[in-house]
Amino acid sequence: MSNTYHQVYIQAVFAVKYREAIITNECKSKILSVIGNLINETGCKQ
């Protein structure tokens, strides 16, 4: 099959057990920056 194009979108949702807020504001920005860097390095879209 020539000229066939596929694009797959995957959505990841992170939730903690019992939805307790265990991520402090001090760590939140660092966690989000690490996740963002991983997304950019793999060529994914945000």
N, C-alpha and C. Protein backbone atom coordinates (compact mmCIF):
# COMPACT_ATOMS: atom_id res chain seq x y z
N MET A 1 0.83 -1.16 0.00
CA MET A 1 0.00 0.00 0.00
C MET A 1 0.89 1.25 0.00
N SER A 2 0.91 1.92 -1.07
CA SER A 2 1.71 3.13 -1.13
C SER A 2 0.89 4.32 -0.65
N ASN A 3 1.59 5.33 -0.18
CA ASN A 3 0.98 6.57 0.27
C ASN A 3 -0.02 6.37 1.41
N THR A 4 0.29 5.44 2.29
CA THR A 4 -0.56 5.23 3.46
C THR A 4 0.01 6.01 4.63
N TYR A 5 -0.84 6.71 5.35
CA TYR A 5 -0.40 7.55 6.46
C TYR A 5 -1.18 7.19 7.71
N HIS A 6 -0.45 7.02 8.81
CA HIS A 6 -1.08 6.72 10.09
C HIS A 6 -0.58 7.70 11.13
N GLN A 7 -1.45 8.09 12.02
CA GLN A 7 -1.07 8.95 13.12
C GLN A 7 -1.84 8.50 14.35
N VAL A 8 -1.11 8.24 15.43
CA VAL A 8 -1.72 7.72 16.65
C VAL A 8 -1.51 8.74 17.77
N TYR A 9 -2.58 9.08 18.45
CA TYR A 9 -2.51 9.97 19.61
C TYR A 9 -2.80 9.16 20.86
N ILE A 10 -1.92 9.30 21.85
CA ILE A 10 -2.10 8.61 23.13
C ILE A 10 -2.14 9.67 24.23
N GLN A 11 -3.12 9.57 25.08
CA GLN A 11 -3.26 10.51 26.19
C GLN A 11 -2.97 9.77 27.48
N ALA A 12 -2.07 10.32 28.28
CA ALA A 12 -1.74 9.73 29.58
C ALA A 12 -2.32 10.61 30.67
N VAL A 13 -3.01 10.00 31.61
CA VAL A 13 -3.60 10.73 32.72
C VAL A 13 -3.00 10.18 34.01
N PHE A 14 -2.46 11.07 34.81
CA PHE A 14 -1.84 10.67 36.06
C PHE A 14 -2.77 11.03 37.21
N ALA A 15 -3.05 10.08 38.07
CA ALA A 15 -3.87 10.32 39.26
C ALA A 15 -3.29 9.50 40.41
N VAL A 16 -3.33 10.07 41.59
CA VAL A 16 -2.82 9.35 42.75
C VAL A 16 -3.97 8.60 43.43
N LYS A 17 -3.60 7.65 44.24
CA LYS A 17 -4.59 6.83 44.93
C LYS A 17 -5.47 7.71 45.82
N TYR A 18 -6.73 7.52 45.74
CA TYR A 18 -7.74 8.26 46.50
C TYR A 18 -7.74 9.76 46.18
N ARG A 19 -7.05 10.15 45.10
CA ARG A 19 -6.99 11.54 44.62
C ARG A 19 -6.52 12.53 45.68
N GLU A 20 -5.61 12.10 46.52
CA GLU A 20 -5.04 12.98 47.53
C GLU A 20 -3.95 13.85 46.88
N ALA A 21 -3.86 15.09 47.28
CA ALA A 21 -2.85 16.00 46.74
C ALA A 21 -1.52 15.77 47.46
N ILE A 22 -0.72 14.84 46.94
CA ILE A 22 0.55 14.53 47.59
C ILE A 22 1.73 15.23 46.92
N ILE A 23 1.51 15.84 45.77
CA ILE A 23 2.58 16.58 45.09
C ILE A 23 2.57 18.01 45.62
N THR A 24 3.66 18.39 46.23
CA THR A 24 3.73 19.74 46.79
C THR A 24 4.03 20.75 45.68
N ASN A 25 3.74 22.00 45.96
CA ASN A 25 4.01 23.06 44.97
C ASN A 25 5.50 23.18 44.67
N GLU A 26 6.34 22.84 45.65
CA GLU A 26 7.79 22.90 45.45
C GLU A 26 8.24 21.91 44.38
N CYS A 27 7.63 20.74 44.36
CA CYS A 27 8.03 19.69 43.42
C CYS A 27 7.28 19.77 42.10
N LYS A 28 6.11 20.39 42.09
CA LYS A 28 5.23 20.37 40.92
C LYS A 28 5.90 20.94 39.67
N SER A 29 6.57 22.08 39.79
CA SER A 29 7.20 22.69 38.61
C SER A 29 8.32 21.82 38.08
N LYS A 30 9.08 21.18 38.97
CA LYS A 30 10.17 20.30 38.52
C LYS A 30 9.61 19.06 37.82
N ILE A 31 8.56 18.49 38.37
CA ILE A 31 7.94 17.31 37.77
C ILE A 31 7.41 17.64 36.38
N LEU A 32 6.71 18.77 36.25
CA LEU A 32 6.16 19.16 34.95
C LEU A 32 7.25 19.46 33.94
N SER A 33 8.37 20.03 34.38
CA SER A 33 9.46 20.30 33.45
C SER A 33 10.12 19.01 32.96
N VAL A 34 10.24 18.02 33.85
CA VAL A 34 10.81 16.73 33.45
C VAL A 34 9.89 16.03 32.44
N ILE A 35 8.59 16.03 32.70
CA ILE A 35 7.64 15.43 31.77
C ILE A 35 7.67 16.15 30.44
N GLY A 36 7.72 17.49 30.47
CA GLY A 36 7.79 18.27 29.24
C GLY A 36 9.04 17.98 28.44
N ASN A 37 10.18 17.84 29.11
CA ASN A 37 11.42 17.51 28.41
C ASN A 37 11.34 16.13 27.77
N LEU A 38 10.76 15.17 28.47
CA LEU A 38 10.61 13.83 27.90
C LEU A 38 9.73 13.86 26.65
N ILE A 39 8.67 14.65 26.70
CA ILE A 39 7.78 14.77 25.54
C ILE A 39 8.52 15.38 24.36
N ASN A 40 9.28 16.45 24.63
CA ASN A 40 10.02 17.10 23.55
C ASN A 40 11.12 16.23 22.97
N GLU A 41 11.83 15.49 23.81
CA GLU A 41 12.92 14.64 23.35
C GLU A 41 12.42 13.49 22.48
N THR A 42 11.23 13.01 22.73
CA THR A 42 10.72 11.90 21.94
C THR A 42 9.97 12.37 20.68
N GLY A 43 9.83 13.69 20.53
CA GLY A 43 9.18 14.22 19.34
C GLY A 43 7.67 14.18 19.39
N CYS A 44 7.11 14.01 20.57
CA CYS A 44 5.66 13.98 20.71
C CYS A 44 5.10 15.40 20.73
N LYS A 45 3.80 15.50 20.55
CA LYS A 45 3.12 16.79 20.64
C LYS A 45 2.54 16.94 22.03
N GLN A 46 2.55 18.18 22.53
CA GLN A 46 2.00 18.44 23.86
C GLN A 46 0.56 18.83 23.76
